[in-house]
Structures are given as structure tokens and as C-alpha cells.
Protein backbone atom coordinates (compact mmCIF):
# COMPACT_ATOMS: atom_id res chain seq x y z
CA MET A 1 24.02 -15.55 17.99
CA SER A 2 21.77 -13.97 20.49
CA GLN A 3 20.34 -10.46 20.66
CA GLU A 4 22.27 -7.80 22.44
CA HIS A 5 21.37 -6.95 25.92
CA ASP A 6 19.29 -3.91 24.92
CA GLY A 7 17.07 -5.94 22.65
CA SER A 8 18.62 -4.73 19.40
CA LEU A 9 19.91 -7.17 16.77
CA THR A 10 23.56 -7.78 15.91
CA GLU A 11 24.89 -6.96 12.46
CA GLU A 12 24.78 -10.64 11.51
CA GLN A 13 21.20 -11.07 12.68
CA THR A 14 20.14 -7.92 10.82
CA SER A 15 21.69 -9.15 7.58
CA LYS A 16 19.89 -12.52 7.95
CA ALA A 17 16.64 -10.81 8.76
CA LEU A 18 16.84 -8.51 5.74
CA SER A 19 17.52 -11.55 3.47
CA ASN A 20 14.53 -13.35 4.91
CA MET A 21 12.34 -10.31 4.42
CA VAL A 22 13.25 -10.21 0.71
CA LYS A 23 12.31 -13.86 0.31
CA GLN A 24 9.15 -13.24 2.32
CA GLY A 25 8.23 -10.42 0.01
CA ILE A 26 8.65 -12.58 -3.10
CA SER A 27 6.61 -15.39 -1.59
CA ALA A 28 3.84 -12.91 -0.57
CA GLN A 29 3.81 -11.34 -4.02
CA VAL A 30 3.31 -14.76 -5.67
CA LYS A 31 0.34 -15.25 -3.32
CA ASN A 32 -1.04 -11.81 -4.05
CA THR A 33 -0.61 -12.09 -7.84
CA LEU A 34 -2.60 -15.33 -8.09
CA THR A 35 -5.39 -14.17 -5.88
CA GLU A 36 -5.98 -10.57 -7.09
CA GLY A 37 -6.42 -8.63 -10.25
CA VAL A 38 -7.42 -10.40 -13.40
CA PHE A 39 -7.60 -13.84 -11.68
CA LEU A 40 -10.01 -12.62 -9.04
CA VAL A 41 -12.20 -10.83 -11.63
CA GLY A 42 -12.10 -13.98 -13.88
CA ILE A 43 -13.51 -16.42 -11.30
CA ALA A 44 -16.09 -13.76 -10.19
CA LEU A 45 -17.40 -13.48 -13.72
CA LEU A 46 -17.54 -17.29 -14.05
CA LEU A 47 -19.54 -17.38 -10.80
CA GLY A 48 -22.02 -14.88 -12.35
CA ALA A 49 -21.06 -11.86 -10.23
CA PRO A 50 -22.60 -8.58 -11.54
CA ASN A 51 -20.55 -5.41 -11.92
CA THR A 52 -21.70 -4.21 -8.51
CA VAL A 53 -20.16 -7.22 -6.77
CA ILE A 54 -16.90 -6.79 -8.78
CA GLY A 55 -16.79 -3.23 -7.56
CA ILE A 56 -17.21 -4.43 -3.96
CA LEU A 57 -14.38 -6.87 -4.42
CA ALA A 58 -12.14 -3.88 -5.39
CA ALA A 59 -13.40 -1.72 -2.54
CA VAL A 60 -13.28 -4.16 0.40
CA PRO A 61 -9.44 -4.22 0.77
CA SER A 62 -9.38 -0.47 1.16
CA LEU A 63 -12.45 -0.33 3.41
CA VAL A 64 -11.12 -2.79 6.04
CA GLN A 65 -7.78 -0.96 6.33
CA LEU A 66 -9.56 1.16 8.94
CA LEU A 67 -9.05 -1.91 11.18
CA GLN A 68 -5.43 -0.84 11.45
CA ILE A 69 -6.43 1.62 14.19
CA PRO A 70 -7.81 -0.94 16.65
CA ALA A 71 -4.99 -3.26 15.61
CA VAL A 72 -2.56 -0.86 17.31
CA ALA A 73 -4.13 -1.70 20.63
CA LEU A 74 -3.77 -5.42 19.83
CA VAL A 75 -0.01 -5.05 19.24
CA GLU A 76 0.39 -2.94 22.39
CA LYS A 77 -1.39 -5.60 24.39
CA ILE A 78 0.46 -8.66 23.08
CA GLY A 79 3.74 -6.92 22.82
CA GLU A 80 5.32 -9.25 20.22
CA ARG A 81 4.95 -8.12 16.67
CA ARG A 82 6.09 -11.53 15.19
CA LYS A 83 3.38 -13.33 17.10
CA VAL A 84 0.70 -10.93 15.96
CA ASN A 85 1.88 -11.14 12.37
CA LEU A 86 2.01 -14.96 12.45
CA LEU A 87 -1.64 -15.15 13.56
CA THR A 88 -2.84 -12.57 10.98
CA GLN A 89 -0.93 -14.15 8.07
CA PHE A 90 -2.24 -17.59 8.97
CA GLY A 91 -5.85 -16.33 9.02
CA ASN A 92 -5.26 -14.74 5.63
CA ARG A 93 -3.96 -18.00 4.17
CA LEU A 94 -6.93 -20.04 5.52
CA ALA A 95 -9.20 -17.56 3.59
CA ILE A 96 -7.22 -18.27 0.43
CA LEU A 97 -7.65 -21.99 1.04
CA GLY A 98 -11.41 -21.24 1.27
CA MET A 99 -11.29 -19.53 -2.17
CA ALA A 100 -9.67 -22.71 -3.60
CA LEU A 101 -12.61 -24.74 -2.20
CA ILE A 102 -15.37 -22.66 -3.70
CA PRO A 103 -15.50 -24.63 -6.99
CA PHE A 104 -16.11 -27.87 -5.02
CA LEU A 105 -19.01 -26.43 -2.94
CA GLY A 106 -21.48 -26.63 -5.66
CA SER A 107 -22.97 -24.04 -7.96
CA PHE A 108 -25.93 -21.93 -6.80
CA GLY A 109 -27.30 -18.44 -7.38
CA GLY A 110 -25.20 -15.95 -5.55
CA SER A 111 -22.32 -18.34 -4.95
CA TYR A 112 -20.07 -15.37 -5.72
CA LEU A 113 -20.93 -14.14 -2.26
CA LEU A 114 -18.65 -16.86 -0.88
CA LEU A 115 -15.88 -15.15 -2.91
CA VAL A 116 -16.75 -11.82 -1.44
CA LEU A 117 -16.69 -13.42 2.04
CA ALA A 118 -13.27 -15.03 1.43
CA VAL A 119 -11.78 -11.76 0.08
CA GLY A 120 -13.28 -9.95 3.05
CA ILE A 121 -11.68 -12.35 5.55
CA GLN A 122 -8.35 -12.03 3.79
CA SER A 123 -8.44 -8.27 3.87
CA VAL A 124 -9.44 -8.15 7.54
CA PHE A 125 -6.47 -10.24 8.58
CA THR A 126 -4.19 -8.22 6.30
CA ALA A 127 -5.33 -4.98 7.93
CA LEU A 128 -4.97 -6.35 11.41
CA GLY A 129 -1.41 -7.42 10.72
CA ALA A 130 -0.35 -4.19 8.95
CA PRO A 131 0.61 -2.16 12.09
CA SER A 132 2.80 -4.91 13.53
CA TRP A 133 4.38 -5.51 10.14
CA ASN A 134 5.14 -1.86 9.42
CA SER A 135 6.57 -1.31 12.90
CA TRP A 136 8.72 -4.44 12.59
CA LEU A 137 10.20 -3.22 9.27
CA ARG A 138 10.67 0.29 10.75
CA ASP A 139 12.88 -1.07 13.50
CA LEU A 140 14.51 -3.79 11.43
CA VAL A 141 15.80 -1.93 8.34
CA PRO A 142 18.63 0.61 8.97
CA GLU A 143 17.67 4.08 7.88
CA ASP A 144 20.70 4.40 5.59
CA LYS A 145 19.61 1.19 3.76
CA LEU A 146 15.93 1.88 3.39
CA GLY A 147 16.21 2.77 -0.32
CA HIS A 148 18.48 -0.12 -1.17
CA PHE A 149 16.48 -2.70 0.73
CA PHE A 150 13.01 -1.77 -0.47
CA SER A 151 14.16 -1.13 -4.04
CA ARG A 152 15.65 -4.66 -4.18
CA ARG A 153 12.58 -6.24 -2.43
CA MET A 154 10.07 -4.47 -4.65
CA ALA A 155 12.12 -5.20 -7.92
CA LEU A 156 12.33 -8.91 -7.19
CA SER A 157 8.66 -9.00 -6.08
CA SER A 158 7.54 -7.15 -9.20
CA LEU A 159 9.55 -9.54 -11.43
CA ALA A 160 7.76 -12.42 -9.76
CA ALA A 161 4.42 -10.69 -10.38
CA ILE A 162 5.12 -10.27 -14.10
CA LEU A 163 6.22 -13.85 -14.54
CA LEU A 164 3.35 -15.24 -12.56
CA SER A 165 0.80 -13.08 -14.39
CA LEU A 166 1.94 -14.35 -17.78
CA MET A 167 2.20 -17.98 -16.63
CA GLY A 168 -1.13 -17.91 -14.76
CA GLY A 169 -2.87 -16.20 -17.69
CA TYR A 170 -1.56 -18.76 -20.17
CA PHE A 171 -2.60 -21.61 -17.81
CA ILE A 172 -6.14 -20.29 -17.42
CA SER A 173 -6.56 -19.65 -21.18
CA GLN A 174 -5.45 -23.18 -21.98
CA TRP A 175 -7.68 -24.58 -19.20
CA ASN A 176 -10.72 -22.73 -20.60
CA ILE A 177 -10.00 -24.24 -24.01
CA LEU A 178 -9.85 -27.75 -22.63
CA TYR A 179 -12.63 -27.33 -19.99
CA PRO A 180 -14.95 -24.47 -20.85
CA GLY A 181 -16.70 -23.00 -17.94
CA SER A 182 -14.78 -25.01 -15.43
CA LEU A 183 -13.62 -23.31 -12.22
CA ILE A 184 -11.11 -25.99 -11.24
CA GLY A 185 -8.29 -24.04 -12.99
CA TYR A 186 -8.73 -21.16 -10.62
CA SER A 187 -8.81 -23.60 -7.68
CA ILE A 188 -5.40 -24.87 -8.75
CA LEU A 189 -4.02 -21.30 -8.90
CA PHE A 190 -5.48 -20.48 -5.43
CA THR A 191 -3.95 -23.62 -4.01
CA LEU A 192 -0.53 -22.59 -5.32
CA ALA A 193 -1.17 -19.17 -3.74
CA PHE A 194 -1.94 -20.83 -0.45
CA ILE A 195 1.40 -22.77 -0.65
CA ALA A 196 3.31 -19.57 -1.49
CA GLY A 197 1.58 -17.87 1.47
CA MET A 198 2.73 -20.61 3.82
CA VAL A 199 6.33 -20.17 2.54
CA ALA A 200 6.03 -16.48 3.42
CA ILE A 201 4.93 -17.40 6.90
CA TYR A 202 8.05 -19.65 7.24
CA TYR A 203 10.38 -16.70 6.43
CA THR A 204 8.37 -14.52 8.79
CA VAL A 205 8.77 -16.92 11.66
CA SER A 206 12.48 -17.38 11.07
CA THR A 207 13.11 -13.67 11.06
CA PRO A 208 14.44 -12.21 14.34
CA GLU A 209 12.49 -9.31 15.77
CA PRO A 210 14.04 -6.23 17.45
CA LYS A 211 12.63 -5.56 20.86
CA LEU A 212 9.41 -3.49 20.67
CA GLN A 213 9.99 -0.12 22.27
CA PHE A 214 7.19 1.26 24.41
CA SER A 215 6.77 4.79 25.73
CA ALA A 216 7.91 5.25 29.33
CA THR A 217 4.31 6.24 30.25
CA LYS A 218 1.24 4.21 29.42
CA THR A 219 -0.73 6.04 26.77
CA LYS A 220 -4.50 5.67 26.28
CA PHE A 221 -5.68 4.25 23.00
CA LEU A 222 -7.34 7.52 21.83
CA ASP A 223 -4.19 9.41 22.68
CA LEU A 224 -2.18 6.95 20.56
CA ILE A 225 -4.37 7.83 17.57
CA ARG A 226 -4.41 11.58 18.33
CA GLU A 227 -0.68 11.87 18.71
CA PRO A 228 0.28 11.51 14.96
CA PHE A 229 -2.12 14.45 14.20
CA GLN A 230 -0.48 16.55 16.90
CA ASP A 231 2.95 16.00 15.23
CA LYS A 232 3.05 18.85 12.72
CA ASN A 233 5.55 17.23 10.37
CA PHE A 234 3.86 13.85 10.33
CA ARG A 235 0.45 15.59 9.89
CA ASN A 236 1.86 17.30 6.76
CA LEU A 237 2.94 13.90 5.51
CA MET A 238 -0.55 12.59 6.09
CA TRP A 239 -2.05 15.50 4.16
CA PHE A 240 0.24 14.64 1.24
CA SER A 241 -0.54 10.90 1.51
CA VAL A 242 -4.33 11.48 1.51
CA THR A 243 -4.39 13.86 -1.47
CA TRP A 244 -1.93 11.76 -3.44
CA THR A 245 -3.86 8.55 -2.79
CA LEU A 246 -7.02 10.27 -3.80
CA SER A 247 -5.41 11.51 -7.00
CA THR A 248 -3.98 8.14 -8.07
CA SER A 249 -6.96 6.01 -6.98
CA LEU A 250 -9.31 8.34 -8.84
CA ALA A 251 -7.64 7.61 -12.19
CA SER A 252 -5.60 4.39 -12.04
CA SER A 253 -8.61 2.27 -11.40
CA PHE A 254 -9.86 3.11 -14.91
CA PHE A 255 -6.75 2.89 -17.02
CA ALA A 256 -7.55 -0.70 -18.13
CA VAL A 257 -11.12 0.25 -18.72
CA TYR A 258 -9.95 3.10 -20.90
CA LEU A 259 -7.66 0.80 -22.94
CA LEU A 260 -10.26 -1.92 -23.50
CA SER A 261 -13.50 0.09 -23.79
CA ARG A 262 -12.64 3.66 -24.84
CA LEU A 263 -9.75 2.93 -27.15
CA GLY A 264 -10.87 -0.56 -28.19
CA LEU A 265 -7.40 -2.17 -27.79
CA GLY A 266 -7.18 -5.94 -27.66
CA PHE A 267 -6.78 -7.68 -24.32
CA PHE A 268 -3.37 -9.12 -25.31
CA LEU A 269 -2.07 -5.69 -26.24
CA ALA A 270 -3.42 -4.23 -23.03
CA THR A 271 -1.67 -6.91 -21.06
CA ILE A 272 1.59 -6.27 -22.85
CA LEU A 273 1.33 -2.51 -21.95
CA VAL A 274 0.72 -3.28 -18.26
CA ALA A 275 3.70 -5.66 -18.28
CA LEU A 276 5.78 -2.96 -19.93
CA THR A 277 4.96 -0.60 -17.03
CA GLN A 278 5.93 -3.24 -14.42
CA ALA A 279 9.15 -3.99 -16.28
CA ILE A 280 10.22 -0.35 -16.44
CA SER A 281 9.40 0.01 -12.76
CA ILE A 282 11.70 -2.99 -12.00
CA LEU A 283 14.58 -1.37 -13.94
CA PHE A 284 14.18 1.93 -12.07
CA PHE A 285 13.67 0.63 -8.51
CA ARG A 286 17.45 0.47 -7.94
CA PHE A 287 17.88 3.83 -9.70
CA TRP A 288 15.48 5.64 -7.35
CA GLY A 289 16.70 3.55 -4.37
CA ARG A 290 20.27 4.73 -4.80
CA LEU A 291 19.17 8.32 -5.06
CA SER A 292 16.89 8.11 -2.01
CA ASP A 293 19.75 6.76 0.13
CA ARG A 294 22.04 9.52 -1.21
CA PHE A 295 19.57 12.34 -0.67
CA SER A 296 16.08 11.83 0.83
CA ASN A 297 12.72 10.22 0.05
CA LYS A 298 11.10 13.65 -0.23
CA SER A 299 13.69 14.79 -2.77
CA ILE A 300 12.85 11.75 -4.99
CA LEU A 301 9.12 12.24 -4.54
CA GLN A 302 9.52 15.80 -5.75
CA MET A 303 10.98 14.47 -8.97
CA SER A 304 8.79 11.36 -9.50
CA VAL A 305 5.38 12.77 -8.56
CA PRO A 306 5.26 15.35 -11.32
CA LEU A 307 6.20 12.58 -13.80
CA PHE A 308 3.25 10.47 -12.67
CA ILE A 309 0.93 13.44 -12.89
CA LEU A 310 2.17 14.04 -16.42
CA SER A 311 1.54 10.42 -17.42
CA THR A 312 -2.08 10.71 -16.12
CA PHE A 313 -2.69 13.88 -18.04
CA LEU A 314 -1.28 12.40 -21.26
CA TRP A 315 -4.20 9.98 -21.28
CA THR A 316 -6.47 12.88 -22.21
CA LEU A 317 -4.53 13.38 -25.46
CA SER A 318 -5.38 9.96 -26.72
CA SER A 319 -8.51 11.02 -28.71
CA ILE A 320 -6.57 13.68 -30.66
CA ALA A 321 -3.60 11.26 -31.02
CA GLU A 322 -6.03 8.73 -32.64
CA THR A 323 -7.09 11.43 -35.11
CA TYR A 324 -3.45 12.01 -36.19
CA LEU A 325 -2.58 8.24 -36.15
CA VAL A 326 -0.07 8.44 -33.30
CA LEU A 327 -2.21 6.71 -30.72
CA ILE A 328 -0.02 3.63 -30.13
CA PRO A 329 3.24 5.65 -29.72
CA LEU A 330 1.43 7.99 -27.20
CA ILE A 331 0.11 4.98 -25.21
CA VAL A 332 3.61 3.42 -25.12
CA ILE A 333 5.05 6.75 -23.93
CA ILE A 334 2.40 7.01 -21.18
CA HIS A 335 3.24 3.52 -19.88
CA LEU A 336 7.02 4.19 -20.06
CA VAL A 337 6.68 7.45 -18.10
CA SER A 338 4.22 5.82 -15.67
CA GLY A 339 6.61 2.90 -15.02
CA VAL A 340 9.57 5.24 -14.36
CA SER A 341 7.63 7.53 -11.99
CA ALA A 342 5.64 4.75 -10.26
CA ALA A 343 8.90 3.08 -9.21
CA GLY A 344 10.06 6.27 -7.47
CA VAL A 345 6.73 7.12 -5.94
CA ASN A 346 5.95 3.58 -4.64
CA LEU A 347 9.37 3.18 -3.17
CA THR A 348 9.81 6.49 -1.45
CA SER A 349 6.22 7.17 -0.40
CA SER A 350 6.42 4.05 1.82
CA ASN A 351 9.94 4.74 3.03
CA ILE A 352 9.27 8.34 4.12
CA GLY A 353 6.43 7.16 6.42
CA LEU A 354 8.72 4.57 7.97
CA LYS A 355 11.48 7.16 8.42
CA LEU A 356 9.37 9.97 9.89
CA ALA A 357 7.52 7.74 12.36
CA PRO A 358 9.38 8.05 15.72
CA ARG A 359 10.85 4.94 17.23
CA GLY A 360 8.67 3.49 19.93
CA LYS A 361 5.59 5.18 18.38
CA ALA A 362 5.83 3.79 14.85
CA ILE A 363 2.83 1.47 15.34
CA SER A 364 0.26 4.19 16.05
CA TYR A 365 1.76 6.64 13.57
CA LEU A 366 1.86 4.21 10.66
CA ALA A 367 -1.49 2.65 11.45
CA THR A 368 -3.12 6.14 11.58
CA ARG A 369 -1.54 7.12 8.27
CA GLY A 370 -2.61 3.71 6.76
CA ALA A 371 -6.24 4.32 7.91
CA ILE A 372 -6.61 7.69 6.30
CA ILE A 373 -4.93 6.38 3.12
CA ALA A 374 -7.50 3.61 3.10
CA ILE A 375 -10.34 6.07 3.27
CA ALA A 376 -8.94 8.09 0.38
CA GLY A 377 -8.31 4.81 -1.59
CA THR A 378 -11.91 3.88 -1.20
CA ILE A 379 -13.41 7.31 -2.11
CA GLY A 380 -11.19 7.70 -5.17
CA PRO A 381 -12.54 4.94 -7.45
CA LEU A 382 -16.15 5.42 -6.28
CA LEU A 383 -15.94 9.16 -7.06
CA GLY A 384 -14.22 8.46 -10.31
CA GLY A 385 -16.80 5.99 -11.46
CA LEU A 386 -19.70 8.33 -10.47
CA LEU A 387 -18.12 11.26 -12.20
CA ALA A 388 -17.41 9.23 -15.40
CA ASP A 389 -21.04 8.06 -15.57
CA LEU A 390 -22.48 11.58 -14.93
CA ILE A 391 -20.46 13.17 -17.73
CA ALA A 392 -20.14 10.15 -20.05
CA ASN A 393 -21.99 11.95 -22.87
CA HIS A 394 -20.36 15.37 -22.35
CA THR A 395 -17.52 16.55 -24.61
CA LEU A 396 -15.28 19.58 -24.46
CA GLU A 397 -13.47 20.31 -27.72
CA PHE A 398 -10.94 22.95 -28.85
CA ALA A 399 -10.11 23.18 -32.56
CA LEU A 400 -8.28 25.39 -35.00
CA THR A 401 -10.55 26.58 -37.78
CA TRP A 402 -9.66 28.71 -40.78
CA TYR A 403 -12.58 30.50 -42.38
CA GLY A 404 -12.59 31.90 -45.92
CA THR A 405 -13.85 35.27 -47.12
CA ASN A 406 -17.34 33.98 -47.53
CA GLY A 407 -17.45 32.24 -44.16
CA GLU A 408 -16.64 28.74 -45.54
CA VAL A 409 -14.41 26.50 -43.57
CA LEU A 410 -11.05 26.12 -45.39
CA LEU A 411 -9.24 24.18 -42.70
CA PHE A 412 -10.37 22.41 -39.53
CA LEU A 413 -7.76 20.91 -37.23
CA PRO A 414 -8.92 19.16 -34.00
CA ALA A 415 -6.58 20.45 -31.23
CA TYR A 416 -7.91 19.00 -28.01
CA ARG A 417 -10.98 16.99 -27.17
CA ILE A 418 -11.96 15.42 -23.92
CA SER A 419 -15.02 13.39 -22.79
CA GLY A 420 -16.03 10.85 -20.20
CA LEU A 421 -13.03 9.48 -18.33
CA ASP A 422 -10.82 12.25 -19.68
CA PHE A 423 -12.43 14.59 -17.08
CA VAL A 424 -11.65 12.15 -14.35
CA PHE A 425 -8.00 12.08 -15.41
CA ILE A 426 -7.82 15.88 -15.47
CA LEU A 427 -9.31 16.09 -11.97
CA SER A 428 -6.75 13.47 -10.85
CA ALA A 429 -3.94 15.64 -12.25
CA ILE A 430 -5.25 18.74 -10.55
CA ILE A 431 -5.47 16.91 -7.12
CA GLY A 432 -2.03 15.50 -7.80
CA ILE A 433 -0.56 19.04 -8.21
CA TYR A 434 -2.15 20.03 -4.92
CA SER A 435 -0.64 16.99 -3.23
CA LEU A 436 2.76 18.13 -4.55
CA HIS A 437 2.10 21.45 -2.83
CA ARG A 438 1.40 19.62 0.39
CA LEU A 439 4.66 17.65 0.11
CA ALA A 440 6.58 20.87 0.18
CA TYR A 441 5.52 21.30 3.85
CA VAL A 442 7.05 17.93 4.83
CA ARG A 443 10.54 18.05 6.42
CA GLU A 444 12.98 15.15 6.09
CA VAL A 445 16.58 14.93 7.12
CA GLY A 446 18.79 14.96 3.95
CA GLU A 447 16.36 16.67 1.67
CA VAL A 448 17.96 18.85 -1.02
CA GLU A 449 16.85 21.14 -3.74
CA GLU A 450 15.34 19.59 -6.90
CA ARG A 451 18.18 20.87 -9.12
CA ILE A 452 20.74 18.86 -7.07
CA VAL A 453 18.70 15.68 -7.53
CA LEU A 454 18.30 16.49 -11.19
CA ASP A 455 22.02 16.86 -11.43
CA ALA A 456 22.46 13.37 -9.86
CA ILE A 457 19.85 11.94 -12.25
CA ILE A 458 21.75 13.37 -15.26
CA ALA A 459 24.95 12.00 -13.88
CA GLU A 460 23.40 8.56 -13.55
CA THR A 461 22.08 8.88 -17.08
CA ARG A 462 25.47 9.87 -18.40
CA ARG A 463 27.02 6.87 -16.62
CA ASN A 464 24.52 4.57 -18.33
CA VAL A 465 25.23 6.20 -21.71
CA ARG A 466 28.95 5.64 -21.16
CA THR A 467 28.32 1.96 -20.69
CA LEU A 468 26.08 1.76 -23.74
CA THR A 469 28.34 3.45 -26.25
CA THR A 470 32.04 3.75 -27.05
CA VAL A 471 31.55 6.47 -29.65
CA ASP A 472 33.67 9.41 -28.47
CA GLY A 473 31.57 11.96 -30.39
CA LEU A 474 28.29 10.85 -28.82
CA ARG A 475 29.88 10.64 -25.41
CA HIS A 476 31.36 14.13 -25.83
CA THR A 477 27.97 15.50 -26.85
CA PHE A 478 26.47 14.32 -23.51
CA GLN A 479 29.44 15.38 -21.42
CA LEU A 480 29.87 18.97 -22.37
CA PRO A 481 26.50 20.37 -21.07
CA LEU A 482 26.54 17.97 -18.07
CA ILE A 483 30.04 19.08 -16.98
CA ASP A 484 28.99 22.69 -17.15
CA LEU A 485 25.83 22.01 -15.09
CA ARG A 486 27.82 20.04 -12.45
CA LYS A 487 30.45 22.82 -12.13
CA LYS A 488 27.67 25.44 -11.55
CA THR A 489 26.03 23.22 -8.95
CA ARG A 490 29.42 22.43 -7.27
CA ARG A 491 30.16 26.17 -6.97
CA LYS A 492 26.82 26.77 -5.30
CA ARG A 493 27.42 23.93 -2.86
CA ILE A 494 30.90 25.26 -1.94
CA THR A 495 29.56 28.74 -1.42
CA LYS A 496 26.68 27.55 0.71
CA SER A 497 29.10 25.30 2.75
CA HIS A 498 31.46 28.23 3.31
CA GLN A 499 28.66 30.49 4.51
CA GLU A 500 27.40 27.76 6.96
CA LYS A 501 30.92 27.35 8.28
CA ILE A 502 31.35 31.11 8.97
CA SER A 503 27.89 31.10 10.62
CA GLU A 504 28.86 28.16 12.86
CA GLU A 505 32.13 29.92 13.90
CA ASN A 506 30.26 33.07 14.80
CA GLU A 507 27.77 31.11 16.89
CA SER A 508 30.66 29.30 18.64
CA GLU A 509 32.22 32.66 19.55
CA VAL A 510 28.99 34.01 20.90
CA SER A 511 28.42 30.81 22.94
CA GLY A 512 31.91 30.98 24.37
CA ASP A 513 31.45 34.55 25.43
CA SER A 514 28.21 33.78 27.24
CA VAL A 515 29.81 30.89 29.20
CA MET A 516 32.69 32.91 30.33
């Protein structure tokens, strides 16, 4: 079936395109999982890379995101997003194939520089393809299905990431036992990543593309970049995006370091905790997705962002929790809360950018936003590491002390003690609170008050409880306060709706008088 005369897709084409994009996302996630994170660090260490180089490997992907800005001009010039994305994805895959060949190129001092080069090339092509990809999704996914589509795509991709991480980790551990010091095991994983990447290209090519809409007048490149900053509402969104990215990148880069170095947990236990966070996120993608379609992305962000800030702050309680032998329960709670909130934040923070970018201008808007997010994402971990090193030996402690009549200490209870990375986490939480303040200035169609979203969350929870238990007494315990809360909220909605109706009637009368 062909495209309609105006360049838009038919319902059947759109359905097929969305299905392909889900499969493309899973394939791309397989590729990313096998070439990033612990696998990338593992081969870098075997190649003899110092910590500085490992830091560069982490910073390069964020730094090159600035290329999204000139990539806008590339898309405008070629005019076909699928063609641009095909070229950039293919370049990315060739770099992965280069990573797979590194073990066969011989061992020499500084051979890890080849790895840095390969990662750099990957990142460059990814950045160049981001504007065309984001614009493509913006025009492809119906606005009323953004939450459902991305929650499903992210959930399935995250599930693939968990399975591949466990399988890949087991494979490498067994390979190291059989062939100590051999890099061939990583070469096998990178080859599999290359194959998965080519599968992703297949689904990209087979996906129809809505006609790219251009402005009626030709706009200069600098004007394209300047325009998003002149849009007050989108500028407010970029303020939120920058501060929130700075907050999360400041702390999240050091969670694993904190577990392994500061708390001394075993690697296997740390891996289980990370998998727990990912699994909880998968479970809650659909939950947040339904609510974002029902209300708005901003409404969900206003509920999930504070939860993520709370989970970051809870890390600072770990030292006192260790004193009172409740460290493991606290760490589990942190990862549970982080998983729930991360699902909502990751889903809606992307969707709100797609939704607020005007049709026909999405490329420049999303590329500009991506560029400033990249800057914040680069500064965050560098600042966090510098701050952690500067105050590594500083400690701030609050305690409850009971002195006797002669000045002797009768009771000493440590209440709160922070040092090193704890200060970084507190700074992250403070910046996160400010980003929540900036979010309040963003306007999105469909946004509602937090209490209404909370009411919906409680209703969803009650529905889940109903399916989990048939005990009438337990069900009744949950229903009584919830029914009362829903009645109060419903009365407020009816009152507000009645007032709006009266206001509209008055305006209609005034308008009619003026015409006559």
C-alpha cells in the first residue's frame, strides 16, 4: 500500500512501521549491550588501558553528541531521513567490526588506543544519525501512542539487555578460565554485536518514512539552531533537561564504584543489584506508559523525578546503615526505588521532547536539545570525580551523645555521617531539586495536578492488589481510603468543569454581542 498523496502514512503502514521500530530497538540494544559497559571496560583492562583512558572511553560518547548540531544541516540538505540514518548506522557497524578485529592486530604498547579510536568512530556516526532518527520517530509515532509505544520498546530492549549481560558475562568468565588473558572471547561478542547491528539496519531500511516537512521559507543554519532557544516553552524544557542530566550524570557514574570500593560488596552481588534495577524498570515501563498517555509526560515526570532524587540521597545513609546492620536492606530499597523512578523518567523525558518539538522543525529542536544534554552529560562525571577526589578524606558527622554528671559519655549514637562520594550524591540531589523547579515552567497539553496523577497511581496499585489477593478483609482495607480519596478528587473535577462551562457560556454571549 502506498503513501497517501500528502506524504503521510496509512494506518496499515504506520502499524507495520511501529512493529519494525520495536524489533529495531531490540536488535540495537543487543548491539549496545555487547559493546558497552562492563564488556568495554573488560577488554580495555586486558589491553592495559590506564584509568585515564577508561575515563575517556566513558566521556567520548557524550562529547561527540555536539555533532548533532551540524548533522541538522546534513539532514536538511539530503532531505531523506532514512538514507541519512542508513549511512550513519552502517558506519557505526563498521567501527564495531573494527573492535572485533583488534585482538588479531597484534599486541603492542598503547594498543588500547585502537579501542578508543573505534569507540570514537562509533560515537561520531551515532551523533550524526541522531537528528534524523529523532525526527523520524517524532513524525512516525502518533502522539496518543507515545507512552505505549516507547514503554513497550524500552521494556523489551531492557529485557534483552539483562539477558545478554548475564549470558555475555558468563561466557567471558568461562572463556577466561579456559584461556586466561585471551582477547578472542571479546572478539566473538563484538562479532555478535556487529550481526545484531546489521539486523537493526534491516528493520530500519524496511520501515516506511513519513514525508519530511520543511518550513515554507528557507532558514539559515544558525537560525535553525537559534530558533529552539527563542521558543520559550522549549527553552524551559532545555533548562530542565540540562539541570536534570547534570544531576544524574554527577552521581550515577559512581554508583558501581560506591558498591565495589566504598561498601566492599562482591562483584556478583553488585551485578544482581544492577539487574534488579533493570528488572523493576521493565515492570514499570507499561505502568508509566499508560499514565503518560492518559495524562501527560510532564505529570509523570513530576512524580518520578522526586523518587529518583530520593534514591540518590538514600546512598548517603549507607554508612550509618552499616553501623546498625541494615545495609543490605537499604541498598535493595535504593535499587527498587531507582528502578521504579528510572522507568518513568527515561520514558517521559524522551517523549516530552518529541511532543514539544514542532512538526517540520523537530530536527533542529531535538538536535539542539541533544547537544546541550551532551555537554551536561560530559561535565557531570568529570565534576563528580574531581569533587570526590578533593574531599575524599573529609567527613561530616552528626551524632547523639548523652553525657553524665561528670562529663563522661553514657551513650553515643551515630546519626548521620557522610564522606567522599556522599557529598557528590548530596550535590546531585540538590541540583535535581532545582531541575524539578525548572520543570514547573514547562507547559504540555494534558498536564494535570500531581494529586490527580497520584490518585491514578493508587487506583492502578489497588487494581494490582485486587488481582493478587482474594481476601475480602485485605481488599476492604485498601478500598476504604482510596474510595474516599477518589470521591474528593471527583468532586473537585466536577466543580472545576462546571466553572469552566459557565465561563465558556459567558464568553460566547460576549462574542455574540460583539458580532451583532
